[in-house]
Amino acid sequence: MVAASAHQRGSTTSAISPRVMKTAQKIFFSTLLFYSPSFPFRTQTYKTGAMKRRVSEIAEAVGARLVGDAGVEVSAVSSIAAASPGDVVFAEDDKSLAAALQSRASAVIVGNFAQAASVSPKALLIVSHPRLAFARAAELLRDPAARKPGVHSSAAVYESAKLGELVALDAHVSVGPNAHVGNRTWIGANSAIRAGVEVGEDCQIYPNVTIYSGTKLGDRVVVHAGAVLGSDGFGYVRDEASGRYEKFPQIGKLEVEDDVEIGANTTIDRGALEVTRIGRGTKIDNLVHIGHNCLIGENVIIAAQAGFSGSIVIENNVIIGGQVGVGEHARIQEGVMLGGQAGVLPKKVLRGKGVAFWGTPAKPLREYLKQLAALTRLGKNE
């Protein structure tokens, strides 16, 4: 785990009691604000679906062992508390399983702790990772006809633009000259796809998104409402004689790779002279700003209100909590975790796969807690 033992770190760590350390770690991880098996979220939030499938189909698709009636039909996912007949719910422990079995749900996705079950009053889908299987079931039950292909009569599409098969353009969408929109992509109302933009296949662009020229999106990219992609970076040169600031060229590109999701009202700048890149599988929350020339790796998680100056490198599998700030030319190496409101100074390098950092300037969690304990003792002595 992140924290080493006192024996490993030396007697100087004895100022931090195990109880304080455990509490601090809980607080730290709660600030990361991302969805994973280790971060529970309220069960009352789910109620989606519209497409009926036999529970045996769901079991096969998610790799689950099915106990109970294979012919039961389901059409939606739900929380346990809000479940109705035809709903699928999930349970990660005995307590939640007991509640699920008493609910009105028709099927329960459950963990391996229920492996011994051979009969059940409800269909059980037993998997090693019930939360993940539940997410996949929700996707399977999503109605594919919710967005019908076609171009709305009010949409403006230049003759030189290329639209793939089964593309859906909603009202007042603008697609500029020489832009390309891939097969089965949906673009929501009032979105602007500027000249030369490339949007891949099976993308979802929600309403009021603006994508500047010089931007390329891979396949299965999701961009939520109000996001701005490929805008000019914040770069100016000061004329010492006049005191005026003159704009440095912002003529680079933005590349967003496959399976990236970008939250509402997030802004990502193009490169100044080169490229800003968002790696495959990265998930970016709402109200995040990423400056010019940043290179974000694969499968990175960035929570809301984080901000990144220019020319930052974030390597693969980094986890960044809410309101984190990172200075220009900093580098966050693979697997590092930054807790909420952490601050990384310009040109700083953070390293350590699985190591959690907290505070400003960001320090390893144990070091941060030692300094906090020392400050507390100094305050008491006064």
Protein backbone atom coordinates (compact mmCIF):
# COMPACT_ATOMS: atom_id res chain seq x y z
CA MET A 1 0.00 0.00 0.00
CA VAL A 2 1.03 3.64 -0.10
CA ALA A 3 2.20 3.85 3.51
CA ALA A 4 5.29 1.92 4.56
CA SER A 5 5.60 0.47 8.05
CA ALA A 6 7.45 2.30 10.82
CA HIS A 7 10.14 -0.38 10.64
CA GLN A 8 10.63 0.34 6.92
CA ARG A 9 10.60 4.10 7.29
CA GLY A 10 12.39 4.50 10.60
CA SER A 11 11.31 5.65 14.03
CA THR A 12 10.56 9.19 12.85
CA THR A 13 7.15 7.99 11.69
CA SER A 14 6.05 7.16 15.22
CA ALA A 15 4.50 10.63 15.56
CA ILE A 16 1.65 9.42 13.37
CA SER A 17 -0.60 6.90 15.02
CA PRO A 18 -2.00 4.06 12.87
CA ARG A 19 -5.49 5.38 13.55
CA VAL A 20 -4.62 8.87 12.26
CA MET A 21 -2.88 7.38 9.22
CA LYS A 22 -5.88 5.19 8.41
CA THR A 23 -8.26 8.13 8.72
CA ALA A 24 -6.07 10.32 6.54
CA GLN A 25 -5.89 7.65 3.86
CA LYS A 26 -9.67 7.38 3.82
CA ILE A 27 -9.93 11.16 3.41
CA PHE A 28 -7.31 11.11 0.67
CA PHE A 29 -8.97 8.45 -1.39
CA SER A 30 -12.37 10.07 -1.01
CA THR A 31 -10.98 13.18 -2.72
CA LEU A 32 -10.07 11.31 -5.90
CA LEU A 33 -13.73 11.42 -6.97
CA PHE A 34 -13.69 8.76 -9.65
CA TYR A 35 -15.75 5.66 -10.25
CA SER A 36 -13.97 2.44 -9.46
CA PRO A 37 -14.64 -0.66 -7.36
CA SER A 38 -12.80 0.93 -4.43
CA PHE A 39 -14.88 4.10 -4.44
CA PRO A 40 -18.53 3.40 -3.55
CA PHE A 41 -21.22 5.67 -4.93
CA ARG A 42 -24.87 6.07 -4.05
CA THR A 43 -27.04 3.24 -5.35
CA GLN A 44 -30.08 5.50 -5.78
CA THR A 45 -28.67 7.16 -8.89
CA TYR A 46 -29.42 4.48 -11.51
CA LYS A 47 -32.51 4.04 -13.64
CA THR A 48 -31.85 3.50 -17.32
CA GLY A 49 -32.80 1.22 -20.13
CA ALA A 50 -35.48 0.37 -22.69
CA MET A 51 -34.35 -2.74 -24.56
CA LYS A 52 -35.56 -6.19 -23.43
CA ARG A 53 -33.09 -9.07 -23.23
CA ARG A 54 -33.16 -12.50 -21.64
CA VAL A 55 -31.05 -12.67 -18.52
CA SER A 56 -29.12 -15.55 -20.12
CA GLU A 57 -27.92 -13.10 -22.81
CA ILE A 58 -26.71 -10.68 -20.17
CA ALA A 59 -24.92 -13.49 -18.31
CA GLU A 60 -23.14 -14.61 -21.46
CA ALA A 61 -22.15 -11.06 -22.41
CA VAL A 62 -20.63 -10.23 -19.01
CA GLY A 63 -19.11 -13.68 -18.40
CA ALA A 64 -21.30 -14.53 -15.42
CA ARG A 65 -22.44 -17.89 -14.03
CA LEU A 66 -26.23 -17.89 -14.04
CA VAL A 67 -28.25 -19.32 -11.18
CA GLY A 68 -32.04 -19.34 -11.57
CA ASP A 69 -34.45 -18.86 -14.44
CA ALA A 70 -32.49 -18.17 -17.63
CA GLY A 71 -35.62 -17.03 -19.47
CA VAL A 72 -36.34 -14.01 -17.30
CA GLU A 73 -36.51 -10.81 -19.39
CA VAL A 74 -34.86 -7.61 -18.24
CA SER A 75 -34.94 -4.14 -19.77
CA ALA A 76 -33.16 -1.74 -17.41
CA VAL A 77 -30.60 -1.33 -14.64
CA SER A 78 -31.53 0.22 -11.33
CA SER A 79 -30.55 0.79 -7.73
CA ILE A 80 -31.85 -1.77 -5.28
CA ALA A 81 -34.10 0.79 -3.58
CA ALA A 82 -35.74 1.92 -6.83
CA ALA A 83 -35.93 -1.45 -8.58
CA SER A 84 -39.02 -2.60 -10.50
CA PRO A 85 -39.83 -5.88 -12.26
CA GLY A 86 -37.58 -6.19 -15.31
CA ASP A 87 -34.67 -4.38 -13.62
CA VAL A 88 -31.13 -5.61 -12.99
CA VAL A 89 -29.37 -4.57 -9.77
CA PHE A 90 -25.96 -5.44 -8.32
CA ALA A 91 -24.70 -6.52 -4.90
CA GLU A 92 -21.13 -6.50 -3.60
CA ASP A 93 -21.65 -8.03 -0.14
CA ASP A 94 -24.05 -10.20 1.83
CA LYS A 95 -25.99 -7.23 3.19
CA SER A 96 -26.69 -5.71 -0.22
CA LEU A 97 -27.50 -9.16 -1.64
CA ALA A 98 -30.14 -9.70 1.06
CA ALA A 99 -31.67 -6.32 0.16
CA ALA A 100 -31.55 -7.14 -3.55
CA LEU A 101 -33.34 -10.45 -3.06
CA GLN A 102 -36.11 -8.66 -1.17
CA SER A 103 -36.42 -5.94 -3.83
CA ARG A 104 -38.69 -5.97 -6.88
CA ALA A 105 -35.74 -6.50 -9.25
CA SER A 106 -35.79 -9.46 -11.62
CA ALA A 107 -32.05 -10.19 -11.63
CA VAL A 108 -29.05 -9.54 -9.41
CA ILE A 109 -25.42 -9.26 -10.50
CA VAL A 110 -23.43 -10.50 -7.51
CA GLY A 111 -19.82 -11.16 -6.54
CA ASN A 112 -18.00 -14.44 -6.05
CA PHE A 113 -18.99 -14.51 -2.39
CA ALA A 114 -22.27 -16.05 -3.66
CA GLN A 115 -20.52 -18.88 -5.53
CA ALA A 116 -22.08 -21.51 -3.28
CA ALA A 117 -25.59 -20.60 -4.43
CA SER A 118 -27.33 -23.27 -6.47
CA VAL A 119 -30.92 -22.03 -6.26
CA SER A 120 -32.31 -18.53 -5.92
CA PRO A 121 -35.71 -16.79 -5.92
CA LYS A 122 -34.25 -14.31 -8.42
CA ALA A 123 -31.85 -14.82 -11.29
CA LEU A 124 -28.28 -14.44 -10.00
CA LEU A 125 -25.39 -13.52 -12.30
CA ILE A 126 -22.23 -14.41 -10.37
CA VAL A 127 -19.03 -12.63 -11.45
CA SER A 128 -15.74 -11.59 -9.89
CA HIS A 129 -16.40 -7.87 -10.47
CA PRO A 130 -20.13 -7.11 -10.09
CA ARG A 131 -19.84 -3.34 -10.45
CA LEU A 132 -18.05 -3.68 -13.78
CA ALA A 133 -20.53 -6.31 -15.00
CA PHE A 134 -23.39 -4.01 -13.97
CA ALA A 135 -21.92 -1.17 -16.06
CA ARG A 136 -21.62 -3.48 -19.06
CA ALA A 137 -25.18 -4.72 -18.59
CA ALA A 138 -26.40 -1.12 -18.60
CA GLU A 139 -24.73 -0.59 -21.96
CA LEU A 140 -26.28 -3.77 -23.36
CA LEU A 141 -29.73 -2.62 -22.29
CA ARG A 142 -29.39 0.87 -23.72
CA ASP A 143 -31.84 1.53 -26.55
CA PRO A 144 -29.78 1.79 -29.78
CA ALA A 145 -32.66 3.54 -31.52
CA ALA A 146 -32.70 6.46 -29.09
CA ARG A 147 -30.90 8.62 -31.65
CA LYS A 148 -32.09 8.06 -35.19
CA PRO A 149 -29.60 8.62 -38.05
CA GLY A 150 -30.16 11.63 -40.26
CA VAL A 151 -29.41 15.31 -40.67
CA HIS A 152 -31.84 17.79 -39.16
CA SER A 153 -33.26 20.32 -41.61
CA SER A 154 -31.70 23.21 -39.68
CA ALA A 155 -28.19 21.72 -39.64
CA ALA A 156 -25.56 23.41 -41.84
CA VAL A 157 -23.16 21.03 -43.56
CA TYR A 158 -20.61 22.28 -46.09
CA GLU A 159 -20.49 20.47 -49.41
CA SER A 160 -16.85 19.50 -48.87
CA ALA A 161 -17.61 17.92 -45.47
CA LYS A 162 -17.85 14.14 -45.37
CA LEU A 163 -20.43 12.32 -43.27
CA GLY A 164 -20.15 8.58 -42.65
CA GLU A 165 -22.97 6.08 -42.60
CA LEU A 166 -25.77 6.33 -40.01
CA VAL A 167 -24.56 9.72 -38.73
CA ALA A 168 -27.07 11.75 -36.67
CA LEU A 169 -26.89 15.55 -36.71
CA ASP A 170 -29.36 17.37 -34.46
CA ALA A 171 -30.86 20.84 -34.86
CA HIS A 172 -28.55 23.76 -35.72
CA VAL A 173 -25.40 21.65 -35.91
CA SER A 174 -22.66 23.21 -38.04
CA VAL A 175 -20.12 21.05 -39.88
CA GLY A 176 -17.40 23.08 -41.57
CA PRO A 177 -15.57 22.63 -44.86
CA ASN A 178 -13.46 19.49 -45.25
CA ALA A 179 -14.57 18.19 -41.85
CA HIS A 180 -15.13 14.47 -41.49
CA VAL A 181 -17.66 12.75 -39.21
CA GLY A 182 -17.30 8.98 -38.85
CA ASN A 183 -19.91 6.24 -39.08
CA ARG A 184 -22.68 6.12 -36.46
CA THR A 185 -21.52 9.29 -34.72
CA TRP A 186 -24.13 11.55 -33.10
CA ILE A 187 -23.68 15.32 -32.81
CA GLY A 188 -26.05 17.16 -30.47
CA ALA A 189 -27.93 20.40 -31.10
CA ASN A 190 -26.03 23.67 -31.59
CA SER A 191 -22.62 22.01 -31.75
CA ALA A 192 -19.99 23.45 -34.10
CA ILE A 193 -17.54 21.22 -35.93
CA ARG A 194 -15.12 23.61 -37.58
CA ALA A 195 -13.16 23.29 -40.83
CA GLY A 196 -10.98 20.22 -41.21
CA VAL A 197 -11.99 18.59 -37.92
CA GLU A 198 -11.92 14.78 -37.90
CA VAL A 199 -14.41 12.94 -35.70
CA GLY A 200 -14.13 9.15 -35.54
CA GLU A 201 -16.76 6.42 -35.52
CA ASP A 202 -19.38 5.83 -32.80
CA CYS A 203 -18.68 9.14 -31.09
CA GLN A 204 -21.21 11.02 -28.98
CA ILE A 205 -20.96 14.80 -29.10
CA TYR A 206 -23.51 16.36 -26.77
CA PRO A 207 -25.21 19.75 -27.39
CA ASN A 208 -23.33 23.05 -27.48
CA VAL A 209 -19.89 21.55 -28.01
CA THR A 210 -17.36 23.55 -30.06
CA ILE A 211 -14.52 21.73 -31.80
CA TYR A 212 -11.93 24.03 -33.38
CA SER A 213 -10.00 23.40 -36.58
CA GLY A 214 -6.91 21.27 -36.13
CA THR A 215 -8.67 18.79 -33.83
CA LYS A 216 -8.87 15.04 -34.40
CA LEU A 217 -11.07 12.70 -32.35
CA GLY A 218 -10.65 8.92 -32.37
CA ASP A 219 -13.42 6.33 -32.20
CA ARG A 220 -15.99 6.04 -29.40
CA VAL A 221 -15.11 9.43 -27.94
CA VAL A 222 -17.76 11.04 -25.71
CA VAL A 223 -17.79 14.84 -25.34
CA HIS A 224 -20.34 16.28 -22.94
CA ALA A 225 -22.28 19.52 -23.28
CA GLY A 226 -20.47 22.82 -23.41
CA ALA A 227 -16.96 21.43 -23.89
CA VAL A 228 -14.53 23.38 -26.07
CA LEU A 229 -11.81 21.41 -27.83
CA GLY A 230 -8.83 22.82 -29.69
CA SER A 231 -9.14 26.45 -28.60
CA ASP A 232 -6.07 28.69 -28.53
CA GLY A 233 -3.65 28.24 -25.66
CA PHE A 234 -2.80 31.07 -23.28
CA GLY A 235 0.50 32.23 -24.78
CA TYR A 236 1.76 35.82 -25.02
CA VAL A 237 5.08 37.61 -25.46
CA ARG A 238 5.66 40.91 -23.67
CA ASP A 239 7.15 43.84 -25.55
CA GLU A 240 9.38 45.43 -22.92
CA ALA A 241 9.45 48.74 -24.78
CA SER A 242 5.69 49.24 -24.88
CA GLY A 243 4.62 46.96 -22.03
CA ARG A 244 2.08 45.35 -24.30
CA TYR A 245 1.47 41.61 -24.63
CA GLU A 246 1.45 40.15 -28.13
CA LYS A 247 -0.02 36.76 -28.89
CA PHE A 248 2.36 33.87 -29.49
CA PRO A 249 1.19 31.68 -32.42
CA GLN A 250 -1.32 28.99 -31.42
CA ILE A 251 -1.27 26.92 -34.59
CA GLY A 252 -0.71 23.38 -33.30
CA LYS A 253 -3.18 20.50 -33.11
CA LEU A 254 -5.29 18.59 -30.61
CA GLU A 255 -5.49 14.81 -30.84
CA VAL A 256 -7.96 12.84 -28.73
CA GLU A 257 -7.48 9.08 -28.97
CA ASP A 258 -10.05 6.26 -28.85
CA ASP A 259 -12.44 5.71 -25.92
CA VAL A 260 -11.82 9.06 -24.23
CA GLU A 261 -14.66 10.75 -22.33
CA ILE A 262 -14.60 14.52 -21.77
CA GLY A 263 -16.86 16.14 -19.20
CA ALA A 264 -19.23 19.09 -19.49
CA ASN A 265 -17.69 22.56 -19.85
CA THR A 266 -14.17 21.18 -20.03
CA THR A 267 -11.69 23.03 -22.23
CA ILE A 268 -8.65 21.54 -23.92
CA ASP A 269 -6.25 23.83 -25.81
CA ARG A 270 -4.51 22.98 -29.03
CA GLY A 271 -0.72 22.91 -29.11
CA ALA A 272 1.05 26.21 -29.66
CA LEU A 273 3.32 24.92 -32.44
CA GLU A 274 3.06 21.16 -31.92
CA VAL A 275 0.31 18.99 -30.40
CA THR A 276 -1.81 18.51 -27.31
CA ARG A 277 -2.68 14.81 -26.95
CA ILE A 278 -5.19 12.94 -24.80
CA GLY A 279 -4.35 9.23 -24.61
CA ARG A 280 -6.65 6.27 -25.24
CA GLY A 281 -9.16 5.45 -22.53
CA THR A 282 -8.62 8.59 -20.47
CA LYS A 283 -11.65 9.93 -18.58
CA ILE A 284 -11.91 13.66 -17.86
CA ASP A 285 -14.55 15.08 -15.53
CA ASN A 286 -16.48 18.37 -15.80
CA LEU A 287 -14.86 21.82 -15.59
CA VAL A 288 -11.31 20.69 -16.28
CA HIS A 289 -8.83 22.88 -18.16
CA ILE A 290 -5.90 21.39 -20.06
CA GLY A 291 -3.43 23.88 -21.49
CA HIS A 292 -1.48 23.85 -24.74
CA ASN A 293 1.15 21.20 -25.50
CA CYS A 294 0.04 18.89 -22.68
CA LEU A 295 0.56 15.19 -23.26
CA ILE A 296 -1.93 13.09 -21.27
CA GLY A 297 -1.29 9.35 -21.26
CA GLU A 298 -3.62 6.36 -21.52
CA ASN A 299 -6.26 5.43 -18.94
CA VAL A 300 -5.73 8.58 -16.90
CA ILE A 301 -8.50 9.72 -14.54
CA ILE A 302 -8.96 13.48 -14.00
CA ALA A 303 -11.65 14.68 -11.59
CA ALA A 304 -13.57 17.96 -11.74
CA GLN A 305 -12.01 21.43 -11.59
CA ALA A 306 -8.45 20.23 -12.13
CA GLY A 307 -6.24 22.65 -14.06
CA PHE A 308 -3.09 22.05 -16.10
CA SER A 309 -0.67 24.68 -17.37
CA GLY A 310 1.16 24.27 -20.66
CA SER A 311 3.62 21.56 -21.66
CA ILE A 312 2.78 19.11 -18.87
CA VAL A 313 3.31 15.36 -19.26
CA ILE A 314 0.91 13.01 -17.47
CA GLU A 315 1.95 9.40 -17.97
CA ASN A 316 -0.33 6.34 -18.19
CA ASN A 317 -2.67 5.26 -15.38
CA VAL A 318 -2.32 8.41 -13.29
CA ILE A 319 -5.25 9.32 -11.00
CA ILE A 320 -5.89 13.02 -10.35
CA GLY A 321 -8.42 14.22 -7.78
CA GLY A 322 -10.65 17.26 -7.85
CA GLN A 323 -9.22 20.80 -7.92
CA VAL A 324 -5.66 19.63 -8.48
CA GLY A 325 -3.38 22.23 -10.06
CA VAL A 326 -0.25 21.38 -12.05
CA GLY A 327 2.37 23.95 -13.10
CA GLU A 328 3.96 24.19 -16.52
CA HIS A 329 6.54 21.65 -17.68
CA ALA A 330 5.78 19.34 -14.73
CA ARG A 331 5.79 15.59 -15.23
CA ILE A 332 3.57 13.09 -13.40
CA GLN A 333 4.96 9.62 -13.90
CA GLU A 334 3.00 6.42 -14.41
CA GLY A 335 0.63 5.27 -11.70
CA VAL A 336 0.95 8.30 -9.42
CA MET A 337 -2.17 9.35 -7.46
CA LEU A 338 -2.83 13.02 -6.65
CA GLY A 339 -5.37 13.78 -3.92
CA GLY A 340 -7.91 16.59 -4.11
CA GLN A 341 -6.54 20.17 -4.14
CA ALA A 342 -2.95 18.98 -4.46
CA GLY A 343 -0.60 21.44 -6.14
CA VAL A 344 2.37 20.48 -8.33
CA LEU A 345 5.02 23.16 -8.87
CA PRO A 346 6.33 24.01 -12.37
CA LYS A 347 9.00 21.63 -13.71
CA LYS A 348 8.44 19.23 -10.79
CA VAL A 349 8.63 15.48 -11.42
CA LEU A 350 6.43 13.18 -9.32
CA ARG A 351 7.32 9.52 -9.44
CA GLY A 352 6.24 6.31 -7.77
CA LYS A 353 3.69 3.88 -9.17
CA GLY A 354 0.86 3.57 -6.66
CA VAL A 355 2.22 6.39 -4.48
CA ALA A 356 -0.34 8.91 -3.24
CA PHE A 357 0.56 12.61 -3.09
CA TRP A 358 -1.27 15.34 -1.21
CA GLY A 359 -0.93 19.02 -0.32
CA THR A 360 0.79 22.00 -1.92
CA PRO A 361 3.51 21.54 -2.94
CA ALA A 362 2.45 17.92 -3.41
CA LYS A 363 4.29 15.41 -1.22
CA PRO A 364 3.91 11.68 -0.58
CA LEU A 365 1.00 11.18 1.80
CA ARG A 366 3.09 9.92 4.72
CA GLU A 367 5.52 12.83 4.43
CA TYR A 368 2.63 15.28 4.24
CA LEU A 369 1.09 13.81 7.42
CA LYS A 370 4.43 13.95 9.27
CA GLN A 371 4.77 17.64 8.48
CA LEU A 372 1.18 18.27 9.48
CA ALA A 373 1.76 16.51 12.81
CA ALA A 374 4.91 18.59 13.41
CA LEU A 375 3.02 21.83 12.75
CA THR A 376 0.28 20.73 15.14
CA ARG A 377 2.85 20.08 17.89
CA LEU A 378 4.46 23.50 17.31
CA GLY A 379 1.04 25.16 17.62
CA LYS A 380 0.37 23.38 20.91
CA ASN A 381 3.77 24.39 22.30
CA GLU A 382 2.99 28.04 21.72
